[in-house]
Structure formats: C-alpha cells, structure tokens
Amino acid sequence: MFNTIIPLVDWGMGTAIIGVFAVVCVVLTIVVYSMVNSGKKK
C-alpha cells in the first residue's frame, strides 16, 4: 500500500531553497541599509 503513495513534495529540497532565499533577503536588506546610512554622513 505504501508503494502507491507518491510524494508530491520534496521537503529537503524545499527547505533548502527557502533557507537560501531567506539568506539572500537578509543580505540584500543589509546592503540596502548600509547604502542608506553611508549617504547620510557629512
């Protein structure tokens, strides 16, 4: 019976992609924040 159940989601690959996406978002946020703060120095 268990052979008929086809896994439709690969949880390992999905969590890896979500993790990479989260790291990229954090890095981009840090870059934008540092660019905004560097423009305010006089």
C-alpha atoms as a PDB file:
ATOM      1  CA  MET A   1       0.000   0.000   0.000  1.00  0.00           C
ATOM      2  CA  PHE A   2       2.840   2.401   0.734  1.00  0.00           C
ATOM      3  CA  ASN A   3       4.172   1.990  -2.804  1.00  0.00           C
ATOM      4  CA  THR A   4       1.072   3.687  -4.210  1.00  0.00           C
ATOM      5  CA  ILE A   5       1.671   6.865  -2.191  1.00  0.00           C
ATOM      6  CA  ILE A   6       3.713   9.202  -4.393  1.00  0.00           C
ATOM      7  CA  PRO A   7       5.452  12.015  -2.521  1.00  0.00           C
ATOM      8  CA  LEU A   8       4.436  15.229  -4.268  1.00  0.00           C
ATOM      9  CA  VAL A   9       6.738  17.459  -2.238  1.00  0.00           C
ATOM     10  CA  ASP A  10      10.461  17.049  -1.651  1.00  0.00           C
ATOM     11  CA  TRP A  11      10.745  18.617   1.799  1.00  0.00           C
ATOM     12  CA  GLY A  12      14.542  18.503   1.887  1.00  0.00           C
ATOM     13  CA  MET A  13      14.984  20.483  -1.309  1.00  0.00           C
ATOM     14  CA  GLY A  14      12.110  22.828  -0.432  1.00  0.00           C
ATOM     15  CA  THR A  15      13.571  23.776   2.924  1.00  0.00           C
ATOM     16  CA  ALA A  16      16.995  24.288   1.331  1.00  0.00           C
ATOM     17  CA  ILE A  17      15.542  26.655  -1.271  1.00  0.00           C
ATOM     18  CA  ILE A  18      13.607  28.567   1.407  1.00  0.00           C
ATOM     19  CA  GLY A  19      16.784  28.822   3.501  1.00  0.00           C
ATOM     20  CA  VAL A  20      18.808  30.183   0.590  1.00  0.00           C
ATOM     21  CA  PHE A  21      16.033  32.650  -0.227  1.00  0.00           C
ATOM     22  CA  ALA A  22      15.963  33.862   3.393  1.00  0.00           C
ATOM     23  CA  VAL A  23      19.749  34.344   3.438  1.00  0.00           C
ATOM     24  CA  VAL A  24      19.613  36.310   0.171  1.00  0.00           C
ATOM     25  CA  CYS A  25      16.838  38.536   1.549  1.00  0.00           C
ATOM     26  CA  VAL A  26      18.824  39.240   4.722  1.00  0.00           C
ATOM     27  CA  VAL A  27      21.980  40.061   2.732  1.00  0.00           C
ATOM     28  CA  LEU A  28      20.082  42.395   0.400  1.00  0.00           C
ATOM     29  CA  THR A  29      18.467  44.140   3.378  1.00  0.00           C
ATOM     30  CA  ILE A  30      21.885  44.669   4.988  1.00  0.00           C
ATOM     31  CA  VAL A  31      23.312  46.038   1.718  1.00  0.00           C
ATOM     32  CA  VAL A  32      20.433  48.487   1.252  1.00  0.00           C
ATOM     33  CA  TYR A  33      20.635  49.587   4.895  1.00  0.00           C
ATOM     34  CA  SER A  34      24.378  50.213   4.642  1.00  0.00           C
ATOM     35  CA  MET A  35      23.912  52.175   1.399  1.00  0.00           C
ATOM     36  CA  VAL A  36      21.256  54.403   3.028  1.00  0.00           C
ATOM     37  CA  ASN A  37      23.426  55.064   6.068  1.00  0.00           C
ATOM     38  CA  SER A  38      26.570  55.782   4.028  1.00  0.00           C
ATOM     39  CA  GLY A  39      24.780  58.585   2.146  1.00  0.00           C
ATOM     40  CA  LYS A  40      23.895  60.494   5.338  1.00  0.00           C
ATOM     41  CA  LYS A  41      27.484  61.127   6.511  1.00  0.00           C
ATOM     42  CA  LYS A  42      28.754  64.690   6.110  1.00  0.00           C
END
